[in-house]
């Protein structure tokens, strides 16, 4: 099995950023806030030097985070038609993924997955089962924030395949037709395997790690 662990510098940078963000939230004076801002800059410098991401937008992204630092939530919808799985092709890189995205503030995870499916693929769906909750540390491309991924099994209510301003193609695939090229870590071979296992055995327990 290949080693898919994150580079240690990225783990350190994420932890430093989270500690600095939380520290800034609880800081009681400008001295403490300035120290936290400097720690945020150091985290951004570590990533910029090792990955080549421009420092300034990275630092701005870090500094825009407020409050107690927690993982972000990404949701994905597993939608079947005639035992074929719905995938969308991302315009950003041409790879395939389950429809989905980040949960907005005020959203419930299931409603976010349903909304993203309508926006990205043209189908109104209803989420009815959680297939898995995953530690979604991204690896390709490397993402700067820690995230959890929730995959919901959904049924189609209505609609028809329709790309969006983010997706260029919408298709259903049988298990042996799944494309080899995924869009970053939005969807992985593990997710696909768990989804088809859930389709085969609806009573299988929710996956979590």
Foldseek 3Di string as FASTA:
>chain_A
DDDQDDPVLLVVLQVLLQVLQAQCQPDDDVVSVVVSLVSLLVSLVSCCVPPVDDSVVSSVVSVVDHHRDDAWEKEFEFEDDPQWTKWFQFPVPRFIAGFIGTDDPPDDRQVRNQVSCCQAFFFRKGFDAWLEKEFQQFVVPGDNGTHIYIYTYIYTDDTHGDGHPGTDGMDTGHLVGDDPGHDGSNDDPVNSVSSSVCVVPVPDDHYYD
